[in-house]
Amino acid sequence: MLRSRWTAALCGCALLACAGSAQAQGGASALSLGGRVLAAAPVGDRGAGLETGVGFGVDAGYEVRPGLVVYAGYSRTVFPVEQEGRDADRVDSGIDLGVLTRRPVGGVPLWFRGGIVFHEAETHLRSGGGGLDDGTTGVGLESGVGAEVRLGRHVMLLPGVGYTAYPVGDPGGVSHLRAEVGVRLRP
């Protein structure tokens, strides 16, 4: 747990350094805030015994050049446990770091996201809300693609699909496919 927090902190510092050097070179830059809600289907061995979950994510971004945003945020997805008589959820949550690009493809404005997640998966009992202290922290990868719908000069709606995966044998979160709807606000 401590090692992955240091890794997350170092990656965050590296992303901020990249953003700062891009601004120093005179490139266009802007801060933005993003939020998303999602429905996620667990996949692979990590998804065994889990039902489709729901979640959310929030992030802050810095546009290092037009169409390229470096982001850091937090996401959380809750997957109900399928077993009868088990009143519990598997919660996958943690820090997300990465890049979001926006590009038109065939005249359609699309966004693409890729990054690293530092997540913990833990079982929570619904009655009483406590955890079972079985949390495992791991590093994974996230990717996504979707359309960009401008709602105004400073607001974008970002519907899309995504995938989060953890290396085989690495402890950590729940690998999952998701459908999401996000909003990005740019002051």
N, C-alpha and C. Protein backbone atom coordinates (compact mmCIF):
# COMPACT_ATOMS: atom_id res chain seq x y z
N MET A 1 0.83 -1.18 0.00
CA MET A 1 0.00 0.00 0.00
C MET A 1 0.87 1.25 0.00
N LEU A 2 1.88 1.29 0.86
CA LEU A 2 2.74 2.46 0.95
C LEU A 2 3.52 2.65 -0.35
N ARG A 3 4.04 1.55 -0.93
CA ARG A 3 4.81 1.64 -2.16
C ARG A 3 3.98 2.20 -3.30
N SER A 4 2.73 1.78 -3.44
CA SER A 4 1.90 2.28 -4.53
C SER A 4 1.53 3.74 -4.31
N ARG A 5 1.40 4.20 -3.07
CA ARG A 5 1.14 5.62 -2.82
C ARG A 5 2.33 6.46 -3.25
N TRP A 6 3.56 5.99 -2.96
CA TRP A 6 4.75 6.72 -3.40
C TRP A 6 4.84 6.72 -4.91
N THR A 7 4.52 5.60 -5.54
CA THR A 7 4.53 5.53 -7.00
C THR A 7 3.52 6.51 -7.58
N ALA A 8 2.32 6.58 -7.00
CA ALA A 8 1.29 7.51 -7.46
C ALA A 8 1.76 8.95 -7.30
N ALA A 9 2.36 9.25 -6.18
CA ALA A 9 2.85 10.62 -5.93
C ALA A 9 3.94 11.00 -6.93
N LEU A 10 4.87 10.08 -7.21
CA LEU A 10 5.94 10.36 -8.18
C LEU A 10 5.39 10.55 -9.59
N CYS A 11 4.42 9.72 -9.98
CA CYS A 11 3.80 9.87 -11.30
C CYS A 11 3.07 11.21 -11.40
N GLY A 12 2.38 11.60 -10.33
CA GLY A 12 1.69 12.89 -10.32
C GLY A 12 2.67 14.05 -10.47
N CYS A 13 3.80 13.97 -9.78
CA CYS A 13 4.82 15.03 -9.90
C CYS A 13 5.38 15.08 -11.32
N ALA A 14 5.60 13.93 -11.93
CA ALA A 14 6.10 13.90 -13.31
C ALA A 14 5.09 14.52 -14.27
N LEU A 15 3.80 14.22 -14.08
CA LEU A 15 2.77 14.81 -14.95
C LEU A 15 2.72 16.33 -14.77
N LEU A 16 2.82 16.81 -13.54
CA LEU A 16 2.82 18.26 -13.30
C LEU A 16 4.05 18.91 -13.91
N ALA A 17 5.20 18.24 -13.85
CA ALA A 17 6.41 18.80 -14.45
C ALA A 17 6.26 18.93 -15.96
N CYS A 18 5.65 17.92 -16.58
CA CYS A 18 5.40 17.98 -18.03
C CYS A 18 4.47 19.14 -18.35
N ALA A 19 3.43 19.32 -17.55
CA ALA A 19 2.48 20.40 -17.77
C ALA A 19 3.15 21.75 -17.60
N GLY A 20 4.00 21.89 -16.59
CA GLY A 20 4.69 23.14 -16.35
C GLY A 20 5.66 23.49 -17.46
N SER A 21 6.39 22.50 -17.98
CA SER A 21 7.34 22.78 -19.06
C SER A 21 6.61 23.14 -20.34
N ALA A 22 5.44 22.57 -20.57
CA ALA A 22 4.66 22.92 -21.77
C ALA A 22 4.18 24.36 -21.68
N GLN A 23 3.78 24.81 -20.49
CA GLN A 23 3.33 26.18 -20.33
C GLN A 23 4.50 27.14 -20.51
N ALA A 24 5.67 26.78 -19.99
CA ALA A 24 6.84 27.62 -20.11
C ALA A 24 7.24 27.81 -21.56
N GLN A 25 6.93 26.86 -22.43
CA GLN A 25 7.25 26.95 -23.85
C GLN A 25 6.24 27.80 -24.60
N GLY A 26 5.25 28.33 -23.90
CA GLY A 26 4.29 29.21 -24.55
C GLY A 26 3.12 28.49 -25.18
N GLY A 27 2.95 27.19 -24.88
CA GLY A 27 1.83 26.45 -25.44
C GLY A 27 0.52 26.85 -24.77
N ALA A 28 -0.58 26.67 -25.49
CA ALA A 28 -1.89 26.97 -24.91
C ALA A 28 -2.16 26.01 -23.76
N SER A 29 -2.73 26.54 -22.69
CA SER A 29 -3.03 25.67 -21.56
C SER A 29 -4.28 26.17 -20.85
N ALA A 30 -4.94 25.25 -20.17
CA ALA A 30 -6.14 25.59 -19.41
C ALA A 30 -6.42 24.49 -18.40
N LEU A 31 -6.96 24.89 -17.27
CA LEU A 31 -7.41 23.93 -16.27
C LEU A 31 -8.82 23.49 -16.60
N SER A 32 -9.16 22.27 -16.23
CA SER A 32 -10.52 21.78 -16.41
C SER A 32 -10.86 20.81 -15.29
N LEU A 33 -12.16 20.64 -15.06
CA LEU A 33 -12.65 19.68 -14.09
C LEU A 33 -13.55 18.70 -14.82
N GLY A 34 -13.45 17.43 -14.46
CA GLY A 34 -14.26 16.42 -15.10
C GLY A 34 -14.96 15.54 -14.08
N GLY A 35 -16.08 15.01 -14.48
CA GLY A 35 -16.82 14.06 -13.66
C GLY A 35 -17.50 13.06 -14.58
N ARG A 36 -17.71 11.84 -14.10
CA ARG A 36 -18.39 10.83 -14.91
C ARG A 36 -19.13 9.85 -14.02
N VAL A 37 -20.19 9.31 -14.56
CA VAL A 37 -20.90 8.21 -13.92
C VAL A 37 -20.79 7.03 -14.86
N LEU A 38 -20.84 5.82 -14.31
CA LEU A 38 -20.60 4.65 -15.16
C LEU A 38 -21.33 3.41 -14.66
N ALA A 39 -21.53 2.50 -15.60
CA ALA A 39 -21.99 1.14 -15.30
C ALA A 39 -20.89 0.22 -15.79
N ALA A 40 -20.47 -0.73 -14.95
CA ALA A 40 -19.30 -1.55 -15.25
C ALA A 40 -19.61 -3.04 -15.14
N ALA A 41 -19.14 -3.80 -16.14
CA ALA A 41 -19.28 -5.25 -16.13
C ALA A 41 -17.92 -5.87 -15.80
N PRO A 42 -17.83 -6.61 -14.68
CA PRO A 42 -16.56 -7.23 -14.31
C PRO A 42 -16.17 -8.31 -15.31
N VAL A 43 -14.87 -8.44 -15.59
CA VAL A 43 -14.38 -9.44 -16.55
C VAL A 43 -13.21 -10.21 -15.95
N GLY A 44 -12.96 -11.39 -16.49
CA GLY A 44 -11.82 -12.20 -16.08
C GLY A 44 -11.99 -12.80 -14.70
N ASP A 45 -10.90 -13.35 -14.19
CA ASP A 45 -10.90 -14.00 -12.88
C ASP A 45 -11.28 -13.03 -11.76
N ARG A 46 -10.88 -11.77 -11.88
CA ARG A 46 -11.18 -10.78 -10.85
C ARG A 46 -12.67 -10.46 -10.79
N GLY A 47 -13.40 -10.75 -11.86
CA GLY A 47 -14.83 -10.47 -11.89
C GLY A 47 -15.70 -11.65 -11.50
N ALA A 48 -15.08 -12.81 -11.24
CA ALA A 48 -15.86 -14.00 -10.90
C ALA A 48 -16.66 -13.76 -9.62
N GLY A 49 -17.95 -14.07 -9.67
CA GLY A 49 -18.82 -13.93 -8.51
C GLY A 49 -19.33 -12.52 -8.27
N LEU A 50 -19.10 -11.62 -9.22
CA LEU A 50 -19.56 -10.24 -9.07
C LEU A 50 -20.61 -9.90 -10.12
N GLU A 51 -21.55 -9.05 -9.75
CA GLU A 51 -22.57 -8.57 -10.68
C GLU A 51 -22.13 -7.25 -11.29
N THR A 52 -22.87 -6.77 -12.28
CA THR A 52 -22.60 -5.47 -12.89
C THR A 52 -22.66 -4.39 -11.82
N GLY A 53 -21.68 -3.49 -11.86
CA GLY A 53 -21.58 -2.45 -10.83
C GLY A 53 -21.83 -1.07 -11.39
N VAL A 54 -21.90 -0.12 -10.48
CA VAL A 54 -22.05 1.29 -10.83
C VAL A 54 -20.95 2.07 -10.13
N GLY A 55 -20.61 3.24 -10.69
CA GLY A 55 -19.55 4.02 -10.08
C GLY A 55 -19.51 5.44 -10.58
N PHE A 56 -18.44 6.12 -10.18
CA PHE A 56 -18.23 7.50 -10.58
C PHE A 56 -16.73 7.78 -10.61
N GLY A 57 -16.38 8.87 -11.24
CA GLY A 57 -15.00 9.35 -11.26
C GLY A 57 -14.98 10.86 -11.31
N VAL A 58 -13.99 11.47 -10.71
CA VAL A 58 -13.79 12.91 -10.77
C VAL A 58 -12.30 13.15 -11.05
N ASP A 59 -12.00 14.23 -11.76
CA ASP A 59 -10.61 14.53 -12.03
C ASP A 59 -10.40 16.01 -12.30
N ALA A 60 -9.15 16.42 -12.20
CA ALA A 60 -8.73 17.76 -12.60
C ALA A 60 -7.75 17.57 -13.74
N GLY A 61 -7.88 18.39 -14.76
CA GLY A 61 -7.02 18.28 -15.93
C GLY A 61 -6.30 19.57 -16.23
N TYR A 62 -5.21 19.43 -16.96
CA TYR A 62 -4.42 20.57 -17.40
C TYR A 62 -4.11 20.37 -18.87
N GLU A 63 -4.58 21.28 -19.70
CA GLU A 63 -4.38 21.16 -21.15
C GLU A 63 -2.98 21.68 -21.49
N VAL A 64 -2.07 20.74 -21.79
CA VAL A 64 -0.68 21.10 -22.06
C VAL A 64 -0.51 21.65 -23.47
N ARG A 65 -1.42 21.30 -24.35
CA ARG A 65 -1.50 21.87 -25.69
C ARG A 65 -2.90 21.58 -26.20
N PRO A 66 -3.35 22.29 -27.22
CA PRO A 66 -4.73 22.06 -27.68
C PRO A 66 -5.00 20.59 -27.98
N GLY A 67 -6.03 20.07 -27.36
CA GLY A 67 -6.43 18.68 -27.59
C GLY A 67 -5.72 17.65 -26.74
N LEU A 68 -4.82 18.06 -25.84
CA LEU A 68 -4.09 17.11 -25.00
C LEU A 68 -4.17 17.55 -23.54
N VAL A 69 -4.91 16.77 -22.74
CA VAL A 69 -5.13 17.08 -21.33
C VAL A 69 -4.46 16.01 -20.47
N VAL A 70 -3.66 16.44 -19.50
CA VAL A 70 -3.08 15.55 -18.49
C VAL A 70 -4.03 15.63 -17.30
N TYR A 71 -4.44 14.46 -16.77
CA TYR A 71 -5.42 14.47 -15.67
C TYR A 71 -4.95 13.64 -14.48
N ALA A 72 -5.49 13.99 -13.32
CA ALA A 72 -5.31 13.23 -12.09
C ALA A 72 -6.66 13.25 -11.38
N GLY A 73 -7.07 12.09 -10.89
CA GLY A 73 -8.38 12.04 -10.26
C GLY A 73 -8.58 10.83 -9.37
N TYR A 74 -9.84 10.60 -9.05
CA TYR A 74 -10.26 9.52 -8.18
C TYR A 74 -11.47 8.84 -8.81
N SER A 75 -11.52 7.52 -8.75
CA SER A 75 -12.71 6.80 -9.22
C SER A 75 -13.06 5.69 -8.24
N ARG A 76 -14.35 5.32 -8.25
CA ARG A 76 -14.86 4.29 -7.34
C ARG A 76 -15.98 3.55 -8.05
N THR A 77 -15.92 2.23 -8.05
CA THR A 77 -16.96 1.39 -8.64
C THR A 77 -17.33 0.31 -7.63
N VAL A 78 -18.64 0.09 -7.47
CA VAL A 78 -19.15 -0.88 -6.50
C VAL A 78 -19.80 -2.03 -7.27
N PHE A 79 -19.32 -3.26 -7.02
CA PHE A 79 -19.84 -4.47 -7.67
C PHE A 79 -20.53 -5.34 -6.61
N PRO A 80 -21.84 -5.58 -6.71
CA PRO A 80 -22.50 -6.49 -5.76
C PRO A 80 -21.94 -7.91 -5.89
N VAL A 81 -21.81 -8.60 -4.77
CA VAL A 81 -21.35 -10.00 -4.76
C VAL A 81 -22.56 -10.88 -5.07
N GLU A 82 -22.41 -11.85 -5.99
CA GLU A 82 -23.51 -12.69 -6.47
C GLU A 82 -23.97 -13.77 -5.50
N GLN A 83 -23.13 -14.19 -4.59
CA GLN A 83 -23.44 -15.33 -3.74
C GLN A 83 -24.71 -15.11 -2.92
N GLU A 84 -25.57 -16.13 -2.90
CA GLU A 84 -26.80 -16.04 -2.10
C GLU A 84 -26.45 -15.97 -0.62
N GLY A 85 -27.22 -15.20 0.09
CA GLY A 85 -27.00 -15.06 1.52
C GLY A 85 -25.84 -14.14 1.86
N ARG A 86 -25.17 -13.60 0.86
CA ARG A 86 -24.03 -12.70 1.11
C ARG A 86 -24.48 -11.28 0.82
N ASP A 87 -24.55 -10.48 1.81
CA ASP A 87 -25.00 -9.10 1.69
C ASP A 87 -23.76 -8.20 1.65
N ALA A 88 -23.03 -8.23 0.50
CA ALA A 88 -21.76 -7.52 0.42
C ALA A 88 -21.53 -6.97 -0.98
N ASP A 89 -20.61 -6.03 -1.06
CA ASP A 89 -20.18 -5.43 -2.32
C ASP A 89 -18.66 -5.50 -2.39
N ARG A 90 -18.14 -5.61 -3.61
CA ARG A 90 -16.70 -5.50 -3.85
C ARG A 90 -16.47 -4.08 -4.38
N VAL A 91 -15.68 -3.29 -3.69
CA VAL A 91 -15.46 -1.89 -4.03
C VAL A 91 -14.05 -1.73 -4.60
N ASP A 92 -13.99 -1.18 -5.82
CA ASP A 92 -12.72 -0.90 -6.50
C ASP A 92 -12.57 0.61 -6.55
N SER A 93 -11.56 1.16 -5.86
CA SER A 93 -11.41 2.61 -5.81
C SER A 93 -9.95 3.01 -5.71
N GLY A 94 -9.67 4.25 -6.15
CA GLY A 94 -8.32 4.75 -6.04
C GLY A 94 -8.02 5.90 -6.98
N ILE A 95 -6.73 6.14 -7.17
CA ILE A 95 -6.21 7.27 -7.94
C ILE A 95 -6.04 6.89 -9.41
N ASP A 96 -6.38 7.84 -10.30
CA ASP A 96 -6.22 7.66 -11.75
C ASP A 96 -5.32 8.78 -12.27
N LEU A 97 -4.32 8.45 -13.09
CA LEU A 97 -3.44 9.42 -13.72
C LEU A 97 -3.33 9.09 -15.20
N GLY A 98 -3.39 10.10 -16.08
CA GLY A 98 -3.25 9.79 -17.49
C GLY A 98 -3.40 10.99 -18.39
N VAL A 99 -3.67 10.70 -19.66
CA VAL A 99 -3.86 11.73 -20.67
C VAL A 99 -5.19 11.50 -21.39
N LEU A 100 -5.80 12.61 -21.79
CA LEU A 100 -7.05 12.60 -22.55
C LEU A 100 -6.78 13.43 -23.80
N THR A 101 -7.01 12.84 -24.96
CA THR A 101 -6.83 13.59 -26.21
C THR A 101 -8.18 13.74 -26.88
N ARG A 102 -8.31 14.82 -27.61
CA ARG A 102 -9.52 15.07 -28.38
C ARG A 102 -9.11 15.28 -29.83
N ARG A 103 -9.72 14.48 -30.73
CA ARG A 103 -9.39 14.58 -32.15
C ARG A 103 -10.63 14.23 -32.98
N PRO A 104 -10.81 14.95 -34.08
CA PRO A 104 -11.90 14.55 -34.98
C PRO A 104 -11.46 13.35 -35.83
N VAL A 105 -12.33 12.38 -35.96
CA VAL A 105 -12.08 11.21 -36.79
C VAL A 105 -13.26 11.10 -37.75
N GLY A 106 -13.00 11.27 -39.03
CA GLY A 106 -14.07 11.23 -40.02
C GLY A 106 -15.11 12.32 -39.79
N GLY A 107 -14.67 13.46 -39.26
CA GLY A 107 -15.59 14.56 -39.00
C GLY A 107 -16.32 14.49 -37.67
N VAL A 108 -16.13 13.39 -36.93
CA VAL A 108 -16.78 13.22 -35.62
C VAL A 108 -15.76 13.54 -34.53
N PRO A 109 -16.07 14.49 -33.63
CA PRO A 109 -15.12 14.81 -32.55
C PRO A 109 -15.10 13.68 -31.51
N LEU A 110 -13.95 13.04 -31.37
CA LEU A 110 -13.80 11.92 -30.43
C LEU A 110 -12.79 12.27 -29.35
N TRP A 111 -12.89 11.57 -28.21
CA TRP A 111 -11.89 11.66 -27.16
C TRP A 111 -11.32 10.27 -26.92
N PHE A 112 -10.07 10.23 -26.52
CA PHE A 112 -9.36 8.99 -26.20
C PHE A 112 -8.66 9.21 -24.87
N ARG A 113 -8.73 8.22 -23.99
CA ARG A 113 -8.10 8.32 -22.68
C ARG A 113 -7.21 7.11 -22.46
N GLY A 114 -6.07 7.34 -21.84
CA GLY A 114 -5.18 6.25 -21.45
C GLY A 114 -4.44 6.65 -20.19
N GLY A 115 -4.30 5.71 -19.27
CA GLY A 115 -3.62 6.08 -18.03
C GLY A 115 -3.33 4.90 -17.13
N ILE A 116 -2.86 5.25 -15.96
CA ILE A 116 -2.49 4.29 -14.92
C ILE A 116 -3.45 4.48 -13.75
N VAL A 117 -3.89 3.38 -13.16
CA VAL A 117 -4.74 3.45 -11.98
C VAL A 117 -4.02 2.79 -10.81
N PHE A 118 -4.14 3.39 -9.65
CA PHE A 118 -3.60 2.86 -8.40
C PHE A 118 -4.82 2.61 -7.52
N HIS A 119 -5.35 1.38 -7.58
CA HIS A 119 -6.63 1.08 -6.95
C HIS A 119 -6.51 0.00 -5.88
N GLU A 120 -7.50 0.01 -5.00
CA GLU A 120 -7.64 -1.04 -4.00
C GLU A 120 -9.02 -1.67 -4.18
N ALA A 121 -9.08 -2.98 -4.12
CA ALA A 121 -10.36 -3.70 -4.14
C ALA A 121 -10.58 -4.26 -2.74
N GLU A 122 -11.77 -3.98 -2.22
CA GLU A 122 -12.07 -4.38 -0.84
C GLU A 122 -13.54 -4.78 -0.76
N THR A 123 -13.84 -5.79 0.06
CA THR A 123 -15.21 -6.22 0.26
C THR A 123 -15.83 -5.43 1.40
N HIS A 124 -17.02 -4.87 1.14
CA HIS A 124 -17.74 -4.09 2.15
C HIS A 124 -19.07 -4.79 2.44
N LEU A 125 -19.41 -4.94 3.71
CA LEU A 125 -20.69 -5.49 4.10
C LEU A 125 -21.74 -4.38 4.00
N ARG A 126 -22.90 -4.69 3.43
CA ARG A 126 -23.95 -3.67 3.29
C ARG A 126 -24.57 -3.35 4.65
N SER A 127 -24.75 -4.35 5.49
CA SER A 127 -25.30 -4.08 6.83
C SER A 127 -24.13 -3.68 7.73
N GLY A 128 -24.15 -2.47 8.19
CA GLY A 128 -23.07 -1.97 9.03
C GLY A 128 -22.03 -1.21 8.23
N GLY A 129 -21.91 -1.47 6.93
CA GLY A 129 -21.04 -0.72 6.05
C GLY A 129 -19.55 -0.93 6.24
N GLY A 130 -19.15 -1.81 7.13
CA GLY A 130 -17.72 -2.00 7.37
C GLY A 130 -17.06 -2.86 6.30
N GLY A 131 -15.75 -2.73 6.22
CA GLY A 131 -14.98 -3.56 5.30
C GLY A 131 -14.56 -4.85 5.98
N LEU A 132 -14.21 -5.85 5.19
CA LEU A 132 -13.76 -7.13 5.72
C LEU A 132 -12.25 -7.19 5.87
N ASP A 133 -11.57 -6.04 5.66
CA ASP A 133 -10.12 -5.96 5.77
C ASP A 133 -9.43 -6.95 4.84
N ASP A 134 -9.99 -7.12 3.63
CA ASP A 134 -9.38 -8.01 2.65
C ASP A 134 -8.88 -7.21 1.45
N GLY A 135 -8.68 -5.91 1.62
CA GLY A 135 -8.29 -5.04 0.52
C GLY A 135 -6.90 -5.35 -0.01
N THR A 136 -6.76 -5.30 -1.32
CA THR A 136 -5.47 -5.46 -1.96
C THR A 136 -5.29 -4.29 -2.93
N THR A 137 -4.12 -3.69 -2.90
CA THR A 137 -3.81 -2.55 -3.75
C THR A 137 -2.99 -3.02 -4.94
N GLY A 138 -3.27 -2.46 -6.11
CA GLY A 138 -2.52 -2.82 -7.30
C GLY A 138 -2.49 -1.69 -8.31
N VAL A 139 -1.61 -1.85 -9.28
CA VAL A 139 -1.46 -0.89 -10.36
C VAL A 139 -2.05 -1.51 -11.61
N GLY A 140 -2.88 -0.74 -12.30
CA GLY A 140 -3.50 -1.23 -13.54
C GLY A 140 -3.45 -0.17 -14.61
N LEU A 141 -4.06 -0.49 -15.74
CA LEU A 141 -4.13 0.42 -16.88
C LEU A 141 -5.58 0.69 -17.22
N GLU A 142 -5.86 1.91 -17.65
CA GLU A 142 -7.21 2.23 -18.11
C GLU A 142 -7.13 2.84 -19.49
N SER A 143 -8.18 2.60 -20.28
CA SER A 143 -8.28 3.20 -21.60
C SER A 143 -9.76 3.45 -21.88
N GLY A 144 -10.02 4.37 -22.80
CA GLY A 144 -11.40 4.67 -23.14
C GLY A 144 -11.48 5.46 -24.43
N VAL A 145 -12.66 5.46 -25.02
CA VAL A 145 -12.93 6.21 -26.24
C VAL A 145 -14.39 6.63 -26.23
N GLY A 146 -14.68 7.77 -26.83
CA GLY A 146 -16.06 8.23 -26.89
C GLY A 146 -16.19 9.47 -27.75
N ALA A 147 -17.39 10.00 -27.78
CA ALA A 147 -17.69 11.20 -28.57
C ALA A 147 -17.66 12.43 -27.67
N GLU A 148 -17.36 13.55 -28.28
CA GLU A 148 -17.37 14.83 -27.58
C GLU A 148 -18.55 15.65 -28.09
N VAL A 149 -19.44 16.02 -27.19
CA VAL A 149 -20.60 16.82 -27.54
C VAL A 149 -20.48 18.15 -26.80
N ARG A 150 -20.29 19.23 -27.53
CA ARG A 150 -20.17 20.56 -26.90
C ARG A 150 -21.55 21.06 -26.49
N LEU A 151 -21.68 21.42 -25.21
CA LEU A 151 -22.93 21.96 -24.70
C LEU A 151 -22.85 23.48 -24.55
N GLY A 152 -21.71 24.01 -24.77
CA GLY A 152 -21.47 25.44 -24.64
C GLY A 152 -20.00 25.69 -24.82
N ARG A 153 -19.62 26.93 -24.67
CA ARG A 153 -18.22 27.29 -24.89
C ARG A 153 -17.28 26.60 -23.89
N HIS A 154 -17.75 26.36 -22.67
CA HIS A 154 -16.90 25.82 -21.62
C HIS A 154 -17.36 24.47 -21.08
N VAL A 155 -18.35 23.85 -21.70
CA VAL A 155 -18.89 22.59 -21.19
C VAL A 155 -18.94 21.55 -22.31
N MET A 156 -18.41 20.36 -22.02
CA MET A 156 -18.46 19.25 -22.98
C MET A 156 -19.09 18.03 -22.31
N LEU A 157 -19.94 17.34 -23.04
CA LEU A 157 -20.51 16.06 -22.61
C LEU A 157 -19.67 14.98 -23.30
N LEU A 158 -19.23 13.97 -22.53
CA LEU A 158 -18.31 12.95 -23.04
C LEU A 158 -18.85 11.54 -22.81
N PRO A 159 -19.82 11.08 -23.61
CA PRO A 159 -20.25 9.68 -23.48
C PRO A 159 -19.21 8.76 -24.12
N GLY A 160 -19.07 7.55 -23.57
CA GLY A 160 -18.09 6.63 -24.14
C GLY A 160 -18.06 5.28 -23.45
N VAL A 161 -17.03 4.52 -23.80
CA VAL A 161 -16.79 3.20 -23.21
C VAL A 161 -15.34 3.15 -22.73
N GLY A 162 -15.08 2.29 -21.76
CA GLY A 162 -13.73 2.19 -21.23
C GLY A 162 -13.42 0.79 -20.73
N TYR A 163 -12.16 0.58 -20.43
CA TYR A 163 -11.70 -0.71 -19.92
C TYR A 163 -10.59 -0.45 -18.91
N THR A 164 -10.66 -1.11 -17.77
CA THR A 164 -9.60 -1.07 -16.77
C THR A 164 -9.12 -2.50 -16.54
N ALA A 165 -7.80 -2.69 -16.60
CA ALA A 165 -7.23 -4.04 -16.46
C ALA A 165 -6.06 -4.02 -15.49
N TYR A 166 -5.87 -5.14 -14.80
CA TYR A 166 -4.76 -5.32 -13.89
C TYR A 166 -3.95 -6.51 -14.37
N PRO A 167 -2.62 -6.42 -14.31
CA PRO A 167 -1.79 -7.54 -14.77
C PRO A 167 -2.14 -8.83 -14.03
N VAL A 168 -2.03 -9.94 -14.74
CA VAL A 168 -2.31 -11.25 -14.14
C VAL A 168 -1.36 -11.47 -12.98
N GLY A 169 -1.89 -11.90 -11.87
CA GLY A 169 -1.08 -12.17 -10.69
C GLY A 169 -0.86 -10.96 -9.80
N ASP A 170 -1.13 -9.75 -10.30
CA ASP A 170 -0.96 -8.55 -9.50
C ASP A 170 -2.20 -8.35 -8.64
N PRO A 171 -2.05 -8.17 -7.33
CA PRO A 171 -3.24 -7.89 -6.53
C PRO A 171 -3.77 -6.53 -6.88
N GLY A 172 -5.00 -6.28 -6.58
CA GLY A 172 -5.54 -4.95 -6.86
C GLY A 172 -7.01 -4.98 -7.20
N GLY A 173 -7.43 -4.06 -8.03
CA GLY A 173 -8.83 -3.85 -8.34
C GLY A 173 -9.46 -4.90 -9.21
N VAL A 174 -10.70 -4.61 -9.61
CA VAL A 174 -11.51 -5.51 -10.42
C VAL A 174 -11.41 -5.07 -11.89
N SER A 175 -10.92 -5.94 -12.77
CA SER A 175 -10.88 -5.62 -14.20
C SER A 175 -12.31 -5.51 -14.70
N HIS A 176 -12.60 -4.48 -15.51
CA HIS A 176 -13.97 -4.29 -15.95
C HIS A 176 -14.07 -3.47 -17.24
N LEU A 177 -15.17 -3.75 -17.98
CA LEU A 177 -15.59 -2.94 -19.12
C LEU A 177 -16.66 -2.01 -18.61
N ARG A 178 -16.73 -0.79 -19.15
CA ARG A 178 -17.74 0.14 -18.64
C ARG A 178 -18.30 1.03 -19.74
N ALA A 179 -19.54 1.44 -19.52
CA ALA A 179 -20.18 2.49 -20.31
C ALA A 179 -20.25 3.69 -19.38
N GLU A 180 -19.90 4.86 -19.89
CA GLU A 180 -19.83 6.03 -19.01
C GLU A 180 -20.35 7.28 -19.72
N VAL A 181 -20.77 8.23 -18.92
CA VAL A 181 -21.15 9.54 -19.41
C VAL A 181 -20.42 10.55 -18.52
N GLY A 182 -19.62 11.40 -19.16
CA GLY A 182 -18.84 12.37 -18.41
C GLY A 182 -19.14 13.79 -18.84
N VAL A 183 -18.74 14.73 -18.00
CA VAL A 183 -18.85 16.15 -18.29
C VAL A 183 -17.49 16.77 -17.98
N ARG A 184 -16.99 17.63 -18.84
CA ARG A 184 -15.76 18.36 -18.59
C ARG A 184 -16.06 19.85 -18.64
N LEU A 185 -15.68 20.55 -17.57
CA LEU A 185 -15.90 21.99 -17.44
C LEU A 185 -14.57 22.70 -17.56
N ARG A 186 -14.53 23.71 -18.40
CA ARG A 186 -13.32 24.47 -18.58
C ARG A 186 -13.61 25.94 -18.31
N PRO A 187 -13.00 26.51 -17.24
CA PRO A 187 -13.29 27.91 -16.89
C PRO A 187 -12.92 28.88 -18.00
